Amino acid sequence: MQVTFVYLSRLFEWENQLPPDMLELFVPADPQEAADPSITIKSGPFLQFPNYPTISCGENYERGNALANMAGWTIRNNAELFESIFS
């Protein structure tokens, strides 16, 4: 049996593909904070995204969908790596 974990952290490449109205929901406004992947958004509906307990995602569809989108993006954009591991 194999198990795959997707580490939850800000992903600059994923963030850079967001439209401007979504970018402000996921990325700190301060450029210095935005450049540090350990600093998350401090207010709004995606507070601390993606660093929140995944057990609480069931209570908020938007947060759960955003997390699923980011994790799926990670897997799609690293498909060769995943294929080499699981082949």
C-alpha atoms as a PDB file:
ATOM      1  CA  MET A   1       0.000   0.000   0.000  1.00  0.00           C
ATOM      2  CA  GLN A   2       1.249   3.488  -0.838  1.00  0.00           C
ATOM      3  CA  VAL A   3       0.086   6.724   0.733  1.00  0.00           C
ATOM      4  CA  THR A   4       0.585  10.176  -0.756  1.00  0.00           C
ATOM      5  CA  PHE A   5       0.641  13.294   1.380  1.00  0.00           C
ATOM      6  CA  VAL A   6       0.403  16.809  -0.012  1.00  0.00           C
ATOM      7  CA  TYR A   7       2.134  19.270   2.308  1.00  0.00           C
ATOM      8  CA  LEU A   8       0.036  22.366   3.002  1.00  0.00           C
ATOM      9  CA  SER A   9       2.020  25.507   2.349  1.00  0.00           C
ATOM     10  CA  ARG A  10       1.670  28.612   0.229  1.00  0.00           C
ATOM     11  CA  LEU A  11       2.644  27.959  -3.384  1.00  0.00           C
ATOM     12  CA  PHE A  12       3.924  30.996  -5.254  1.00  0.00           C
ATOM     13  CA  GLU A  13       3.332  29.469  -8.709  1.00  0.00           C
ATOM     14  CA  TRP A  14      -0.278  28.616  -7.828  1.00  0.00           C
ATOM     15  CA  GLU A  15      -0.836  32.083  -6.337  1.00  0.00           C
ATOM     16  CA  ASN A  16       0.633  33.776  -9.429  1.00  0.00           C
ATOM     17  CA  GLN A  17      -2.049  32.146 -11.596  1.00  0.00           C
ATOM     18  CA  LEU A  18      -4.938  33.488  -9.525  1.00  0.00           C
ATOM     19  CA  PRO A  19      -6.980  36.391 -10.925  1.00  0.00           C
ATOM     20  CA  PRO A  20      -6.417  39.693  -9.072  1.00  0.00           C
ATOM     21  CA  ASP A  21      -9.702  39.543  -7.150  1.00  0.00           C
ATOM     22  CA  MET A  22      -8.804  36.078  -5.835  1.00  0.00           C
ATOM     23  CA  LEU A  23      -5.153  36.932  -5.229  1.00  0.00           C
ATOM     24  CA  GLU A  24      -6.104  39.463  -2.568  1.00  0.00           C
ATOM     25  CA  LEU A  25      -8.032  36.747  -0.710  1.00  0.00           C
ATOM     26  CA  PHE A  26      -5.065  34.344  -0.542  1.00  0.00           C
ATOM     27  CA  VAL A  27      -1.900  36.471  -0.450  1.00  0.00           C
ATOM     28  CA  PRO A  28      -0.853  39.054   2.163  1.00  0.00           C
ATOM     29  CA  ALA A  29      -1.049  42.606   0.782  1.00  0.00           C
ATOM     30  CA  ASP A  30       2.326  43.645   2.188  1.00  0.00           C
ATOM     31  CA  PRO A  31       4.977  42.746  -0.440  1.00  0.00           C
ATOM     32  CA  GLN A  32       7.492  41.698   2.203  1.00  0.00           C
ATOM     33  CA  GLU A  33       4.971  39.344   3.818  1.00  0.00           C
ATOM     34  CA  ALA A  34       3.818  38.080   0.408  1.00  0.00           C
ATOM     35  CA  ALA A  35       7.412  37.041  -0.363  1.00  0.00           C
ATOM     36  CA  ASP A  36       7.587  34.824   2.736  1.00  0.00           C
ATOM     37  CA  PRO A  37       5.741  31.508   2.234  1.00  0.00           C
ATOM     38  CA  SER A  38       5.404  31.031   5.985  1.00  0.00           C
ATOM     39  CA  ILE A  39       3.209  34.139   6.307  1.00  0.00           C
ATOM     40  CA  THR A  40      -0.453  33.602   5.501  1.00  0.00           C
ATOM     41  CA  ILE A  41      -3.400  35.920   5.009  1.00  0.00           C
ATOM     42  CA  LYS A  42      -4.471  37.491   8.318  1.00  0.00           C
ATOM     43  CA  SER A  43      -8.142  38.246   7.660  1.00  0.00           C
ATOM     44  CA  GLY A  44     -11.077  37.374   5.471  1.00  0.00           C
ATOM     45  CA  PRO A  45     -12.742  34.128   4.454  1.00  0.00           C
ATOM     46  CA  PHE A  46      -9.419  32.380   3.771  1.00  0.00           C
ATOM     47  CA  LEU A  47      -7.738  33.349   7.043  1.00  0.00           C
ATOM     48  CA  GLN A  48      -4.406  31.479   7.371  1.00  0.00           C
ATOM     49  CA  PHE A  49      -4.919  29.568   4.091  1.00  0.00           C
ATOM     50  CA  PRO A  50      -3.684  26.888   3.584  1.00  0.00           C
ATOM     51  CA  ASN A  51      -2.543  26.362   7.175  1.00  0.00           C
ATOM     52  CA  TYR A  52      -5.713  25.323   8.929  1.00  0.00           C
ATOM     53  CA  PRO A  53      -6.973  21.988  10.236  1.00  0.00           C
ATOM     54  CA  THR A  54      -8.383  20.006   7.323  1.00  0.00           C
ATOM     55  CA  ILE A  55     -11.034  18.537   9.614  1.00  0.00           C
ATOM     56  CA  SER A  56     -12.736  21.957   9.626  1.00  0.00           C
ATOM     57  CA  CYS A  57     -12.963  22.120   5.815  1.00  0.00           C
ATOM     58  CA  GLY A  58     -16.273  20.295   5.915  1.00  0.00           C
ATOM     59  CA  GLU A  59     -17.774  23.335   7.594  1.00  0.00           C
ATOM     60  CA  ASN A  60     -16.693  25.710   4.830  1.00  0.00           C
ATOM     61  CA  TYR A  61     -17.021  24.700   1.169  1.00  0.00           C
ATOM     62  CA  GLU A  62     -15.004  27.629  -0.127  1.00  0.00           C
ATOM     63  CA  ARG A  63     -11.972  26.791   2.011  1.00  0.00           C
ATOM     64  CA  GLY A  64     -12.269  23.100   1.207  1.00  0.00           C
ATOM     65  CA  ASN A  65     -12.541  23.793  -2.529  1.00  0.00           C
ATOM     66  CA  ALA A  66      -9.568  26.164  -2.473  1.00  0.00           C
ATOM     67  CA  LEU A  67      -7.475  23.586  -0.657  1.00  0.00           C
ATOM     68  CA  ALA A  68      -8.525  20.834  -3.092  1.00  0.00           C
ATOM     69  CA  ASN A  69      -7.738  23.100  -6.048  1.00  0.00           C
ATOM     70  CA  MET A  70      -4.267  23.902  -4.756  1.00  0.00           C
ATOM     71  CA  ALA A  71      -3.484  20.249  -3.950  1.00  0.00           C
ATOM     72  CA  GLY A  72      -4.780  19.111  -7.352  1.00  0.00           C
ATOM     73  CA  TRP A  73      -2.742  21.808  -9.084  1.00  0.00           C
ATOM     74  CA  THR A  74       0.346  20.573  -7.246  1.00  0.00           C
ATOM     75  CA  ILE A  75      -0.192  16.998  -8.376  1.00  0.00           C
ATOM     76  CA  ARG A  76      -0.971  17.955 -12.002  1.00  0.00           C
ATOM     77  CA  ASN A  77       2.089  20.192 -12.218  1.00  0.00           C
ATOM     78  CA  ASN A  78       4.316  17.457 -10.825  1.00  0.00           C
ATOM     79  CA  ALA A  79       2.749  14.561 -12.709  1.00  0.00           C
ATOM     80  CA  GLU A  80       6.086  13.177 -13.897  1.00  0.00           C
ATOM     81  CA  LEU A  81       7.338  12.950 -10.317  1.00  0.00           C
ATOM     82  CA  PHE A  82       4.179  11.181  -9.144  1.00  0.00           C
ATOM     83  CA  GLU A  83       4.250   8.809 -12.124  1.00  0.00           C
ATOM     84  CA  SER A  84       7.879   7.889 -11.443  1.00  0.00           C
ATOM     85  CA  ILE A  85       7.101   7.125  -7.811  1.00  0.00           C
ATOM     86  CA  PHE A  86       4.035   5.012  -8.509  1.00  0.00           C
ATOM     87  CA  SER A  87       5.138   3.149 -11.633  1.00  0.00           C
END
